[in-house]
Each structure stands twice: as structure tokens, then as C-alpha cells.
Amino acid sequence: PKLHKNPIKFRFIIASKRCTVKTLSKNVSSIFTLLQKQVVTYHKKAHFYSGVKTNWIVHNRDPVLLAVNKSVARRSAKSVSSFDFSTLYTKIPHVKLIDVLNKIIDFTFKGGTRNTIAINNSGTAYWRKHKNTSNTYYTKDSIIKAVSFLINNCYFKLGGKLFKQNIGIPMGSDPAPAFANLFLFFYESSWLNSTKKTNNILARKFGQIFRYIDDLLALNDGNSFETYFKEIYPEELQLNKENIDNSHDTFLDLHITIKDSIFTTQLFDKRDNFGFIITRLPYRESNIPDRMFYTTISTECLRICKATSEITQATASMNTLITRMVRQGAEINKLKNCIRKAFNRHQTGMKYGVQNRVILERLFK
């Protein structure tokens, strides 16, 4: 259940803890993690030389915060919008998915001197030239066969019945996130590489697009993405715009707002929109060491500060956290001491142009 949606929505997830192909699934996931890193590295260099950003994949909020902070000095904030793929995992034909993944595999194996990928005992994939007996090895052909087998042989039980998934990415399987990422990347990079040859100015407008699997954020693109996304992606994918007003939006754990032509950010937690109380951090009476309990709280305070651009919003969020944790058994003096050490270690006050003690005074009046 997606409890932050109104009305509540649902998504289907399969599990494969004791499946006969679990080992193969984990190996393919490691392989595609390696291939994705290689693709990202290649397109970063291409971006440097061409000025056109052909890779939108992000793994966390850090690239977004970097782009937001760069725009502050220029006061160049104009628009922010986000989009969500509602049919990414459910409507992609297997033939099309396998074809795209095969093209990605071909691309990553081209021109290299190492034609084998090894999986070591810890499950990490890396390129190898020569084999040894301690690792599992995959050639390009065996990876293609493994991908096809996993996608075409996804069976699951529900209500005492056995089903086979005939369309869409098997959500819950190990390589599903990498499959989804690279499937979308293929169409994005192909469209941009084609567009920059005929309209380089348009291609450059997509320089601040960020995508975390099926969530996409567009900053200062002049509504270019909203205008052209139907040309970029296959017809099976349904893309919905999440915000109506382009002056504020949410992406991952960030709430982004435009204020006086400047992007401001603060921490966003979708669990705040749940219609009931949930336990987010441990209680003091839990069976964990004292130090771990308080360090968890100070780490959450650092996360709030990193995501929040204004000190007033940061202290308000931390005050809410501290109030909740005191109710869960935290002692004020120990809590203050732990947060002070964390702020000193990370020089948190420098971000807001104040000393650390000023923030602590606001938190513990």
C-alpha cells in the first residue's frame, strides 16, 4: 500500500527469498550495477565534451542539492516540476524490455579488452580477463541468456494459485531497479543524442533533469520536458505530473520551493501525511546500546540540516524530532551532548553562517 496517496494506491511486489533462481537473480543484479556504473561514467565524459546531459540517473538527493546550491548565487530559480511513471513496472512488454537490455549489454562490452564479468564470494561484480576457480563468470552471451530467462520465467503464488508474469518488470526481484533505470535511460539518451544533432539549444535545456528510477524532477527547463516527454518514451509508459504549481514540489526526501528567484529546500517525509502514528526511530527501552540510541537521533538532525537551506526551518524540524524522541525516552542532557558533538564534527553551523552553539540554543531553550 502507498499510504501517502489520497486515495490510497497499491503496487504489486513479488518475493523470492527461497526461489531456485535467487542466486542467478542476485548475480544478474550485481552485473547490471557494474554495467550501469560504466554507462554513467561514459555519459559523464560525453556531457563534459558536448554540453548535453544524456544521463539523468541519480541514486540520492545529492546531485539535486548541488544544482540547487549553484543556482542560489545566480538567483536563477524559475520553475520546478516532478513526474511519476505510473506504468513502468506493469506495462512494458517483455520483448521490448529484453531488446533494450540486450542493447545496453552490447554497448558496455564494445571496445573493451576484458570480455568476462566475475562475481566474487561477496557478490560483487567486476571485469576480468582471465578466469580462476574461486569466482563465478559470465560472458556477454550468458548474461543475455540469464536476463531473458529471469524475465520470461517469473512465477509467483497468491491465494494458493500460481501465476506467471507476462508483462512488465518483476518488481521485487533483485535486478528490477537496474532494469527499470536502464530501460528508461536508453530512451532518454537516444532521444537526446538525436536531438543535439538537429537542435542543440533544445537538448541543452534538459541539463537539470534528475530521475530516481520512476520519479523524475525538472529544474529550470522552461517546461521543455513536459512538452517533449511523449517523444522520448515508448507509448506503453504513462507519465503523470505530480505538481500543479511550478513554484514548489517534492522529490525524494526534499521539498523544493522558489522564493525570490532562489531555490530553498527542506526535509520532506511522506510519512508525515499518513493518517496514523508510526514509530520511526527506536524507543530508549529497546534492546540497543545507549550510544546507538542517541547517535541515531543526532544523525537524523544532521540529515535535516543537510536537506534544509534555512536555519528557521531546520530548527523547527529538529524541534519536532527532539520532542518526539523525548517522549520515546531520550534524556535532554544526553541528547544535547550527542547533538553538540555531531554538529562540531561536521561544522554544521557554517552552512547557516552561525556558530554551532546558536543552533543548540534554539533547540534547547
Protein backbone atom coordinates (compact mmCIF):
# COMPACT_ATOMS: atom_id res chain seq x y z
CA PRO A 1 0.00 0.00 0.00
CA LYS A 2 1.11 3.57 -0.81
CA LEU A 3 -0.30 5.20 2.29
CA HIS A 4 0.81 8.76 1.43
CA LYS A 5 -1.51 8.84 -1.59
CA ASN A 6 -5.09 10.08 -1.39
CA PRO A 7 -6.92 7.89 -2.12
CA ILE A 8 -4.52 5.10 -1.05
CA LYS A 9 -2.93 3.31 -4.01
CA PHE A 10 -1.29 -0.11 -4.31
CA ARG A 11 1.58 -1.77 -6.15
CA PHE A 12 2.37 -5.44 -6.64
CA ILE A 13 5.64 -6.79 -5.24
CA ILE A 14 6.92 -10.34 -5.54
CA ALA A 15 9.35 -12.01 -3.12
CA SER A 16 12.00 -14.60 -3.93
CA LYS A 17 13.94 -15.37 -0.76
CA ARG A 18 13.97 -19.14 -1.32
CA CYS A 19 13.43 -19.19 -5.08
CA THR A 20 15.51 -21.64 -7.14
CA VAL A 21 16.84 -18.78 -9.30
CA LYS A 22 17.66 -16.47 -6.36
CA THR A 23 21.42 -16.88 -6.86
CA LEU A 24 21.13 -16.14 -10.58
CA SER A 25 18.93 -13.13 -9.83
CA LYS A 26 21.46 -11.71 -7.36
CA ASN A 27 24.32 -12.24 -9.80
CA VAL A 28 22.46 -10.50 -12.62
CA SER A 29 21.68 -7.63 -10.25
CA SER A 30 25.40 -7.24 -9.42
CA ILE A 31 26.30 -7.39 -13.11
CA PHE A 32 23.83 -4.65 -14.02
CA THR A 33 25.08 -2.50 -11.15
CA LEU A 34 28.52 -2.74 -12.76
CA LEU A 35 27.14 -2.05 -16.25
CA GLN A 36 25.18 0.95 -15.01
CA LYS A 37 28.31 2.46 -13.45
CA GLN A 38 30.11 2.06 -16.76
CA VAL A 39 27.26 3.68 -18.70
CA VAL A 40 27.10 6.61 -16.26
CA THR A 41 30.86 7.17 -16.46
CA TYR A 42 30.78 7.19 -20.26
CA HIS A 43 27.93 9.70 -20.43
CA LYS A 44 29.53 11.98 -17.83
CA LYS A 45 32.50 12.35 -20.15
CA ALA A 46 30.19 12.86 -23.13
CA HIS A 47 28.40 15.60 -21.15
CA PHE A 48 31.73 17.31 -20.49
CA TYR A 49 32.64 17.45 -24.18
CA SER A 50 29.20 18.11 -25.72
CA GLY A 51 27.47 20.18 -23.05
CA VAL A 52 24.38 17.99 -23.36
CA LYS A 53 23.41 15.90 -20.33
CA THR A 54 22.34 12.49 -21.64
CA ASN A 55 22.24 10.68 -18.29
CA TRP A 56 19.54 11.65 -15.79
CA ILE A 57 20.00 8.76 -13.33
CA VAL A 58 20.62 9.71 -9.68
CA HIS A 59 20.96 7.44 -6.64
CA ASN A 60 20.21 10.02 -3.94
CA ARG A 61 19.35 13.69 -3.46
CA ASP A 62 22.98 14.96 -3.56
CA PRO A 63 23.06 15.94 -7.28
CA VAL A 64 19.80 17.86 -6.79
CA LEU A 65 21.18 19.75 -3.77
CA LEU A 66 24.33 20.57 -5.75
CA ALA A 67 22.27 22.02 -8.62
CA VAL A 68 20.07 23.96 -6.20
CA ASN A 69 23.06 25.45 -4.36
CA LYS A 70 24.70 26.52 -7.62
CA SER A 71 21.60 28.44 -8.64
CA VAL A 72 21.49 30.43 -5.37
CA ALA A 73 24.37 32.77 -6.29
CA ARG A 74 22.82 33.45 -9.70
CA ARG A 75 19.26 33.81 -8.33
CA SER A 76 18.18 31.83 -11.36
CA ALA A 77 15.34 29.72 -9.95
CA LYS A 78 12.37 29.81 -12.32
CA SER A 79 10.48 26.52 -12.18
CA VAL A 80 10.39 23.12 -10.52
CA SER A 81 8.23 20.18 -11.56
CA SER A 82 8.13 16.46 -10.91
CA PHE A 83 6.72 13.46 -12.76
CA ASP A 84 5.94 9.86 -11.91
CA PHE A 85 5.81 6.79 -14.16
CA SER A 86 2.62 5.03 -13.12
CA THR A 87 3.01 2.08 -15.53
CA LEU A 88 6.77 1.50 -15.55
CA TYR A 89 6.66 -1.86 -13.80
CA THR A 90 3.32 -3.07 -15.17
CA LYS A 91 3.01 -2.25 -18.86
CA ILE A 92 6.42 -2.80 -20.51
CA PRO A 93 6.24 -5.72 -22.98
CA HIS A 94 8.89 -8.33 -22.22
CA VAL A 95 10.08 -8.35 -25.84
CA LYS A 96 10.78 -4.62 -25.73
CA LEU A 97 12.41 -4.83 -22.28
CA ILE A 98 14.74 -7.67 -23.30
CA ASP A 99 15.66 -5.91 -26.56
CA VAL A 100 16.65 -2.70 -24.75
CA LEU A 101 18.67 -4.54 -22.09
CA ASN A 102 20.48 -6.52 -24.80
CA LYS A 103 21.47 -3.25 -26.48
CA ILE A 104 22.82 -1.95 -23.16
CA ILE A 105 24.83 -5.16 -22.71
CA ASP A 106 26.24 -4.87 -26.26
CA PHE A 107 27.22 -1.24 -25.62
CA THR A 108 29.11 -1.99 -22.40
CA PHE A 109 31.06 -4.90 -23.93
CA LYS A 110 32.15 -2.93 -27.02
CA GLY A 111 35.75 -1.85 -27.30
CA GLY A 112 36.91 -3.31 -24.00
CA THR A 113 39.85 -5.64 -23.51
CA ARG A 114 38.06 -7.71 -20.86
CA ASN A 115 35.26 -9.89 -22.15
CA THR A 116 34.20 -11.59 -18.91
CA ILE A 117 32.47 -10.41 -15.73
CA ALA A 118 33.32 -12.20 -12.47
CA ILE A 119 31.21 -12.45 -9.33
CA ASN A 120 33.33 -12.87 -6.20
CA ASN A 121 32.29 -14.55 -2.95
CA SER A 122 30.85 -11.33 -1.53
CA GLY A 123 28.58 -10.93 -4.57
CA THR A 124 30.45 -8.02 -6.19
CA ALA A 125 30.79 -7.97 -10.00
CA TYR A 126 33.93 -6.78 -11.78
CA TRP A 127 35.59 -7.13 -15.17
CA ARG A 128 38.14 -9.92 -15.63
CA LYS A 129 40.41 -11.04 -18.42
CA HIS A 130 41.34 -14.46 -17.08
CA LYS A 131 39.31 -16.92 -15.05
CA ASN A 132 40.11 -18.58 -11.76
CA THR A 133 38.22 -21.26 -9.87
CA SER A 134 37.11 -19.14 -6.89
CA ASN A 135 34.64 -16.91 -8.79
CA THR A 136 31.54 -17.26 -10.98
CA TYR A 137 31.97 -15.95 -14.54
CA TYR A 138 29.58 -14.57 -17.13
CA THR A 139 30.25 -13.81 -20.78
CA LYS A 140 28.14 -11.43 -22.84
CA ASP A 141 26.09 -14.29 -24.28
CA SER A 142 25.45 -15.89 -20.88
CA ILE A 143 24.30 -12.53 -19.45
CA ILE A 144 21.86 -12.10 -22.35
CA LYS A 145 20.50 -15.60 -21.75
CA ALA A 146 20.22 -15.03 -17.99
CA VAL A 147 18.28 -11.78 -18.47
CA SER A 148 15.87 -13.40 -20.90
CA PHE A 149 15.35 -16.38 -18.60
CA LEU A 150 14.65 -14.27 -15.49
CA ILE A 151 12.19 -12.00 -17.26
CA ASN A 152 10.31 -14.78 -19.08
CA ASN A 153 10.15 -17.14 -16.10
CA CYS A 154 8.74 -15.06 -13.28
CA TYR A 155 6.26 -17.19 -11.33
CA PHE A 156 4.64 -16.32 -8.01
CA LYS A 157 1.97 -17.66 -5.68
CA LEU A 158 -1.02 -15.68 -4.46
CA GLY A 159 -4.04 -17.05 -2.62
CA GLY A 160 -2.99 -20.64 -3.24
CA LYS A 161 -2.73 -20.13 -7.01
CA LEU A 162 0.34 -19.99 -9.25
CA PHE A 163 0.72 -17.11 -11.69
CA LYS A 164 3.21 -16.20 -14.41
CA GLN A 165 4.04 -12.55 -15.09
CA ASN A 166 3.73 -12.00 -18.82
CA ILE A 167 4.20 -8.23 -18.97
CA GLY A 168 6.18 -5.66 -17.01
CA ILE A 169 9.31 -5.74 -14.86
CA PRO A 170 9.01 -8.23 -11.96
CA MET A 171 9.02 -5.71 -9.09
CA GLY A 172 10.66 -7.25 -6.03
CA SER A 173 13.24 -9.26 -7.97
CA ASP A 174 16.87 -8.29 -7.37
CA PRO A 175 17.70 -6.72 -10.75
CA ALA A 176 14.33 -4.91 -11.13
CA PRO A 177 15.63 -1.39 -10.17
CA ALA A 178 18.58 -1.67 -12.58
CA PHE A 179 16.32 -2.99 -15.35
CA ALA A 180 13.93 -0.06 -14.87
CA ASN A 181 16.74 2.51 -14.68
CA LEU A 182 18.50 1.34 -17.82
CA PHE A 183 15.27 0.84 -19.77
CA LEU A 184 14.32 4.49 -19.28
CA PHE A 185 17.92 5.64 -19.74
CA PHE A 186 18.07 4.01 -23.17
CA TYR A 187 15.18 6.10 -24.50
CA GLU A 188 16.35 9.30 -22.80
CA SER A 189 19.91 9.12 -24.09
CA SER A 190 18.81 8.03 -27.58
CA TRP A 191 16.41 10.96 -27.90
CA LEU A 192 18.93 13.49 -26.61
CA ASN A 193 21.74 12.20 -28.84
CA SER A 194 19.42 12.53 -31.82
CA THR A 195 18.11 15.97 -30.77
CA LYS A 196 21.52 17.54 -30.18
CA LYS A 197 22.40 16.91 -33.83
CA THR A 198 19.39 18.87 -35.09
CA ASN A 199 18.60 21.26 -32.21
CA ASN A 200 21.47 21.61 -29.78
CA ILE A 201 19.83 24.51 -27.93
CA LEU A 202 16.78 22.38 -27.11
CA ALA A 203 18.96 19.44 -25.97
CA ARG A 204 20.83 21.71 -23.53
CA LYS A 205 17.55 22.70 -21.82
CA PHE A 206 17.45 19.22 -20.27
CA GLY A 207 20.62 19.81 -18.24
CA GLN A 208 18.84 19.86 -14.89
CA ILE A 209 16.66 16.78 -15.18
CA PHE A 210 17.09 14.17 -12.44
CA ARG A 211 15.49 10.73 -12.29
CA TYR A 212 15.45 8.27 -9.41
CA ILE A 213 14.07 5.09 -11.05
CA ASP A 214 10.44 6.10 -11.76
CA ASP A 215 10.45 9.56 -10.10
CA LEU A 216 11.64 12.49 -12.20
CA LEU A 217 12.47 16.11 -11.35
CA ALA A 218 12.90 19.02 -13.78
CA LEU A 219 14.53 22.30 -12.70
CA ASN A 220 14.51 25.44 -14.87
CA ASP A 221 13.76 23.54 -18.07
CA GLY A 222 11.22 26.04 -19.44
CA ASN A 223 8.60 23.26 -19.49
CA SER A 224 10.69 21.50 -22.15
CA PHE A 225 10.37 18.08 -20.54
CA GLU A 226 6.60 18.39 -20.16
CA THR A 227 6.39 19.37 -23.83
CA TYR A 228 8.56 16.59 -25.27
CA PHE A 229 8.32 13.60 -22.91
CA LYS A 230 5.84 11.81 -25.19
CA GLU A 231 8.53 11.84 -27.90
CA ILE A 232 11.14 10.44 -25.51
CA TYR A 233 9.43 7.39 -24.01
CA PRO A 234 7.55 4.47 -25.57
CA GLU A 235 3.77 4.66 -25.74
CA GLU A 236 3.31 1.98 -23.05
CA LEU A 237 4.63 4.31 -20.34
CA GLN A 238 2.20 6.67 -18.64
CA LEU A 239 3.84 9.73 -17.11
CA ASN A 240 1.92 11.91 -14.67
CA LYS A 241 2.87 15.38 -13.50
CA GLU A 242 2.87 15.48 -9.69
CA ASN A 243 2.61 19.24 -9.03
CA ILE A 244 0.28 21.92 -10.42
CA ASP A 245 2.18 24.99 -9.26
CA ASN A 246 5.74 25.14 -10.65
CA SER A 247 6.93 27.22 -7.68
CA HIS A 248 7.21 24.28 -5.27
CA ASP A 249 7.44 20.49 -5.38
CA THR A 250 8.80 17.38 -3.65
CA PHE A 251 11.44 14.92 -4.87
CA LEU A 252 12.82 12.03 -2.82
CA ASP A 253 13.18 13.49 0.71
CA LEU A 254 13.33 17.13 -0.42
CA HIS A 255 10.67 19.80 -0.54
CA ILE A 256 11.84 22.44 -3.04
CA THR A 257 10.37 25.94 -3.08
CA ILE A 258 11.16 29.01 -5.18
CA LYS A 259 11.43 32.17 -3.10
CA ASP A 260 12.68 35.46 -4.60
CA SER A 261 14.19 33.57 -7.57
CA ILE A 262 16.10 31.26 -5.21
CA PHE A 263 15.56 27.55 -4.64
CA THR A 264 15.07 26.75 -0.96
CA THR A 265 14.91 23.20 0.36
CA GLN A 266 13.76 21.42 3.47
CA LEU A 267 13.40 17.80 4.50
CA PHE A 268 10.26 16.07 3.24
CA ASP A 269 8.96 12.88 4.83
CA LYS A 270 5.93 11.30 3.19
CA ARG A 271 5.18 9.55 6.47
CA ASP A 272 4.02 12.91 7.83
CA ASN A 273 0.99 12.52 5.57
CA PHE A 274 -0.02 9.14 6.99
CA GLY A 275 -3.30 9.28 8.86
CA PHE A 276 -1.89 7.46 11.88
CA ILE A 277 1.14 7.47 14.18
CA ILE A 278 4.13 5.29 13.26
CA THR A 279 7.41 4.53 15.05
CA ARG A 280 10.29 5.97 13.01
CA LEU A 281 13.19 5.76 15.47
CA PRO A 282 13.75 3.33 18.38
CA TYR A 283 12.49 3.76 21.94
CA ARG A 284 15.06 4.10 24.73
CA GLU A 285 13.67 0.95 26.35
CA SER A 286 14.55 -1.01 23.21
CA ASN A 287 17.29 -3.63 23.44
CA ILE A 288 20.03 -1.44 21.92
CA PRO A 289 23.11 0.25 23.42
CA ASP A 290 22.67 3.73 24.89
CA ARG A 291 25.19 5.23 22.49
CA MET A 292 23.43 3.82 19.44
CA PHE A 293 20.09 5.28 20.56
CA TYR A 294 21.43 8.83 20.89
CA THR A 295 23.68 8.64 17.82
CA THR A 296 20.64 7.73 15.73
CA ILE A 297 18.94 10.96 16.80
CA SER A 298 22.00 13.15 16.15
CA THR A 299 22.41 11.57 12.72
CA GLU A 300 18.80 12.41 11.91
CA CYS A 301 19.50 16.02 12.94
CA LEU A 302 22.44 16.12 10.53
CA ARG A 303 20.19 14.77 7.78
CA ILE A 304 17.69 17.54 8.43
CA CYS A 305 20.40 20.21 8.29
CA LYS A 306 21.88 18.85 5.08
CA ALA A 307 18.49 18.93 3.34
CA THR A 308 17.27 22.27 4.72
CA SER A 309 18.58 25.57 3.39
CA GLU A 310 17.14 27.96 6.03
CA ILE A 311 18.03 27.77 9.72
CA THR A 312 14.47 28.57 10.89
CA GLN A 313 13.01 25.58 9.03
CA ALA A 314 15.89 23.34 10.14
CA THR A 315 15.42 24.14 13.84
CA ALA A 316 11.65 23.69 13.53
CA SER A 317 12.12 20.21 12.04
CA MET A 318 14.70 19.26 14.67
CA ASN A 319 12.47 20.54 17.49
CA THR A 320 9.71 18.25 16.26
CA LEU A 321 12.18 15.35 16.21
CA ILE A 322 13.53 16.10 19.68
CA THR A 323 10.02 16.40 21.17
CA ARG A 324 9.11 13.03 19.71
CA MET A 325 12.30 11.36 20.95
CA VAL A 326 11.90 12.75 24.47
CA ARG A 327 8.50 11.07 24.53
CA GLN A 328 10.32 7.89 23.47
CA GLY A 329 12.65 8.05 26.47
CA ALA A 330 15.55 10.33 25.50
CA GLU A 331 17.19 12.34 28.30
CA ILE A 332 17.63 16.03 27.47
CA ASN A 333 21.23 16.37 28.71
CA LYS A 334 22.48 13.27 26.89
CA LEU A 335 20.59 14.30 23.77
CA LYS A 336 22.06 17.81 23.80
CA ASN A 337 25.60 16.49 24.32
CA CYS A 338 25.30 13.98 21.47
CA ILE A 339 23.90 16.56 19.01
CA ARG A 340 26.59 19.09 20.03
CA LYS A 341 29.35 16.57 19.23
CA ALA A 342 27.78 15.77 15.86
CA PHE A 343 27.47 19.47 14.94
CA ASN A 344 31.07 20.16 15.95
CA ARG A 345 32.35 17.19 13.98
CA HIS A 346 30.51 18.24 10.80
CA GLN A 347 30.76 22.04 11.31
CA THR A 348 27.02 22.33 10.79
CA GLY A 349 26.81 25.98 11.82
CA MET A 350 28.98 27.09 8.88
CA LYS A 351 26.15 26.27 6.47
CA TYR A 352 23.89 28.83 8.14
CA GLY A 353 26.60 31.37 8.96
CA VAL A 354 26.28 30.91 12.73
CA GLN A 355 28.16 29.11 15.47
CA ASN A 356 27.03 25.66 16.49
CA ARG A 357 26.03 26.89 19.94
CA VAL A 358 23.46 29.23 18.36
CA ILE A 359 21.65 26.26 16.81
CA LEU A 360 21.82 24.34 20.10
CA GLU A 361 20.37 27.33 21.98
CA ARG A 362 17.41 27.34 19.59
CA LEU A 363 16.88 23.61 20.09
CA PHE A 364 17.25 23.56 23.90
CA LYS A 365 15.83 26.82 25.21
